[in-house]
């Protein structure tokens, strides 16, 4: 997995360790959720400075 993340599995749950995915401006990206369109509900990594980016 990119960014050095690790998976942890158990019989009841699956969790993903925090990874440091960087955006183009160099800050750590945050997880966002699509609010409209055909991909509603999907999660993606985005810049924490959006919409005000350098």
Protein backbone atom coordinates (compact mmCIF):
# COMPACT_ATOMS: atom_id res chain seq x y z
CA UNK A 1 0.00 0.00 0.00
CA UNK A 2 1.35 3.44 -0.89
CA UNK A 3 2.28 5.68 1.99
CA UNK A 4 3.34 2.88 4.34
CA UNK A 5 -0.16 1.97 5.58
CA UNK A 6 -0.77 -1.39 7.16
CA UNK A 7 -3.82 -3.62 7.30
CA UNK A 8 -4.98 -5.21 10.52
CA UNK A 9 -7.46 -8.06 10.20
CA UNK A 10 -9.55 -9.85 12.80
CA UNK A 11 -12.53 -12.16 12.54
CA UNK A 12 -15.01 -9.32 13.18
CA UNK A 13 -13.49 -6.20 11.66
CA UNK A 14 -10.91 -4.78 9.29
CA UNK A 15 -9.12 -1.51 9.94
CA UNK A 16 -6.49 0.45 8.06
CA UNK A 17 -3.67 2.17 9.91
CA UNK A 18 -3.25 5.89 9.30
CA UNK A 19 -0.98 6.65 6.37
CA UNK A 20 0.63 9.94 5.43
CA UNK A 21 -0.64 10.58 1.93
CA UNK A 22 0.59 13.98 0.76
CA UNK A 23 -1.19 16.29 -1.64
CA UNK A 24 0.64 18.34 -4.28
CA UNK A 25 1.15 21.29 -1.90
CA UNK A 26 2.98 19.06 0.59
CA UNK A 27 0.38 18.84 3.39
CA UNK A 28 -1.09 15.58 4.64
CA UNK A 29 -4.27 14.78 2.71
CA UNK A 30 -7.63 14.28 4.45
CA UNK A 31 -10.37 11.80 3.59
CA UNK A 32 -13.38 13.42 1.94
CA UNK A 33 -16.69 12.00 0.72
CA UNK A 34 -18.28 12.65 -2.69
CA UNK A 35 -21.50 14.63 -2.13
CA UNK A 36 -23.01 14.67 -5.65
CA UNK A 37 -22.91 12.95 -9.02
CA UNK A 38 -22.63 9.26 -9.85
CA UNK A 39 -19.99 8.58 -7.16
CA UNK A 40 -21.99 9.84 -4.15
CA UNK A 41 -20.75 8.31 -0.91
CA UNK A 42 -17.32 7.26 -2.18
CA UNK A 43 -14.33 8.41 -0.15
CA UNK A 44 -11.17 9.97 -1.57
CA UNK A 45 -8.07 11.79 -0.36
CA UNK A 46 -8.06 15.55 -0.83
CA UNK A 47 -6.04 18.59 0.19
CA UNK A 48 -6.88 19.98 3.62
CA UNK A 49 -6.30 23.48 2.16
CA UNK A 50 -9.01 23.10 -0.51
CA UNK A 51 -10.53 25.31 -1.83
CA UNK A 52 -7.83 27.78 -0.76
CA UNK A 53 -4.58 26.20 -2.05
CA UNK A 54 -1.32 27.96 -2.92
